[in-house]
């Protein structure tokens, strides 16, 4: 399992948190979203999903990684 901290711009509310968590969940990725720090900590199996795919899923929700 890999553990990465991503810096995400554009998050400002609970809706943002839920949107990102939903995108991560659809990939089978665990995520901890921190609005205060503007970060998303992800834990994922590198044999099932790439970090690039995770970043793209977040960006598809309208945020900048």
Protein backbone atom coordinates (compact mmCIF):
# COMPACT_ATOMS: atom_id res chain seq x y z
CA UNK A 1 0.00 0.00 0.00
CA UNK A 2 1.15 3.48 -0.86
CA UNK A 3 0.51 6.60 1.19
CA UNK A 4 0.70 10.02 -0.50
CA UNK A 5 -0.20 13.56 0.52
CA UNK A 6 -1.60 15.64 -2.35
CA UNK A 7 -1.97 19.41 -2.28
CA UNK A 8 -5.39 20.33 -3.68
CA UNK A 9 -6.50 23.87 -4.56
CA UNK A 10 -10.12 24.97 -4.66
CA UNK A 11 -11.54 23.13 -1.65
CA UNK A 12 -13.64 25.32 0.61
CA UNK A 13 -16.54 23.41 2.16
CA UNK A 14 -18.06 20.10 3.21
CA UNK A 15 -19.39 19.59 -0.32
CA UNK A 16 -15.80 19.72 -1.56
CA UNK A 17 -14.79 17.07 0.96
CA UNK A 18 -17.67 14.79 0.00
CA UNK A 19 -17.02 15.26 -3.71
CA UNK A 20 -13.38 14.26 -3.40
CA UNK A 21 -14.10 11.36 -1.04
CA UNK A 22 -16.72 10.05 -3.48
CA UNK A 23 -14.27 10.20 -6.38
CA UNK A 24 -11.63 8.36 -4.36
CA UNK A 25 -14.10 5.75 -3.14
CA UNK A 26 -15.10 4.95 -6.72
CA UNK A 27 -11.45 4.03 -7.33
CA UNK A 28 -11.19 1.94 -4.18
CA UNK A 29 -8.89 4.51 -2.57
CA UNK A 30 -9.01 5.63 1.05
CA UNK A 31 -8.73 9.38 1.47
CA UNK A 32 -8.50 11.88 4.30
CA UNK A 33 -9.38 15.41 3.18
CA UNK A 34 -8.04 18.33 5.24
CA UNK A 35 -9.71 21.62 4.27
CA UNK A 36 -7.53 23.69 6.59
CA UNK A 37 -4.28 22.50 5.03
CA UNK A 38 -5.65 22.03 1.52
CA UNK A 39 -4.42 18.46 1.42
CA UNK A 40 -5.75 15.02 0.63
CA UNK A 41 -3.92 12.03 2.09
CA UNK A 42 -4.54 8.92 0.02
CA UNK A 43 -3.83 5.26 0.78
CA UNK A 44 -3.98 3.00 -2.26
CA UNK A 45 -2.80 -0.27 -3.75
CA UNK A 46 -0.35 0.64 -6.50
CA UNK A 47 -1.15 -2.67 -8.22
CA UNK A 48 -4.78 -1.58 -8.70
CA UNK A 49 -4.63 2.17 -9.30
CA UNK A 50 -1.93 4.72 -10.17
CA UNK A 51 -1.29 8.03 -8.46
CA UNK A 52 -1.95 9.73 -11.80
CA UNK A 53 -5.43 8.14 -11.96
CA UNK A 54 -6.14 9.41 -8.45
CA UNK A 55 -5.06 12.94 -9.38
CA UNK A 56 -7.23 12.84 -12.51
CA UNK A 57 -10.27 11.72 -10.49
CA UNK A 58 -9.84 14.69 -8.13
CA UNK A 59 -9.30 17.10 -11.03
CA UNK A 60 -12.47 15.80 -12.72
CA UNK A 61 -14.35 17.06 -9.66
CA UNK A 62 -13.10 20.60 -10.43
CA UNK A 63 -10.06 20.87 -8.18
CA UNK A 64 -6.41 21.47 -8.98
CA UNK A 65 -3.91 18.89 -7.73
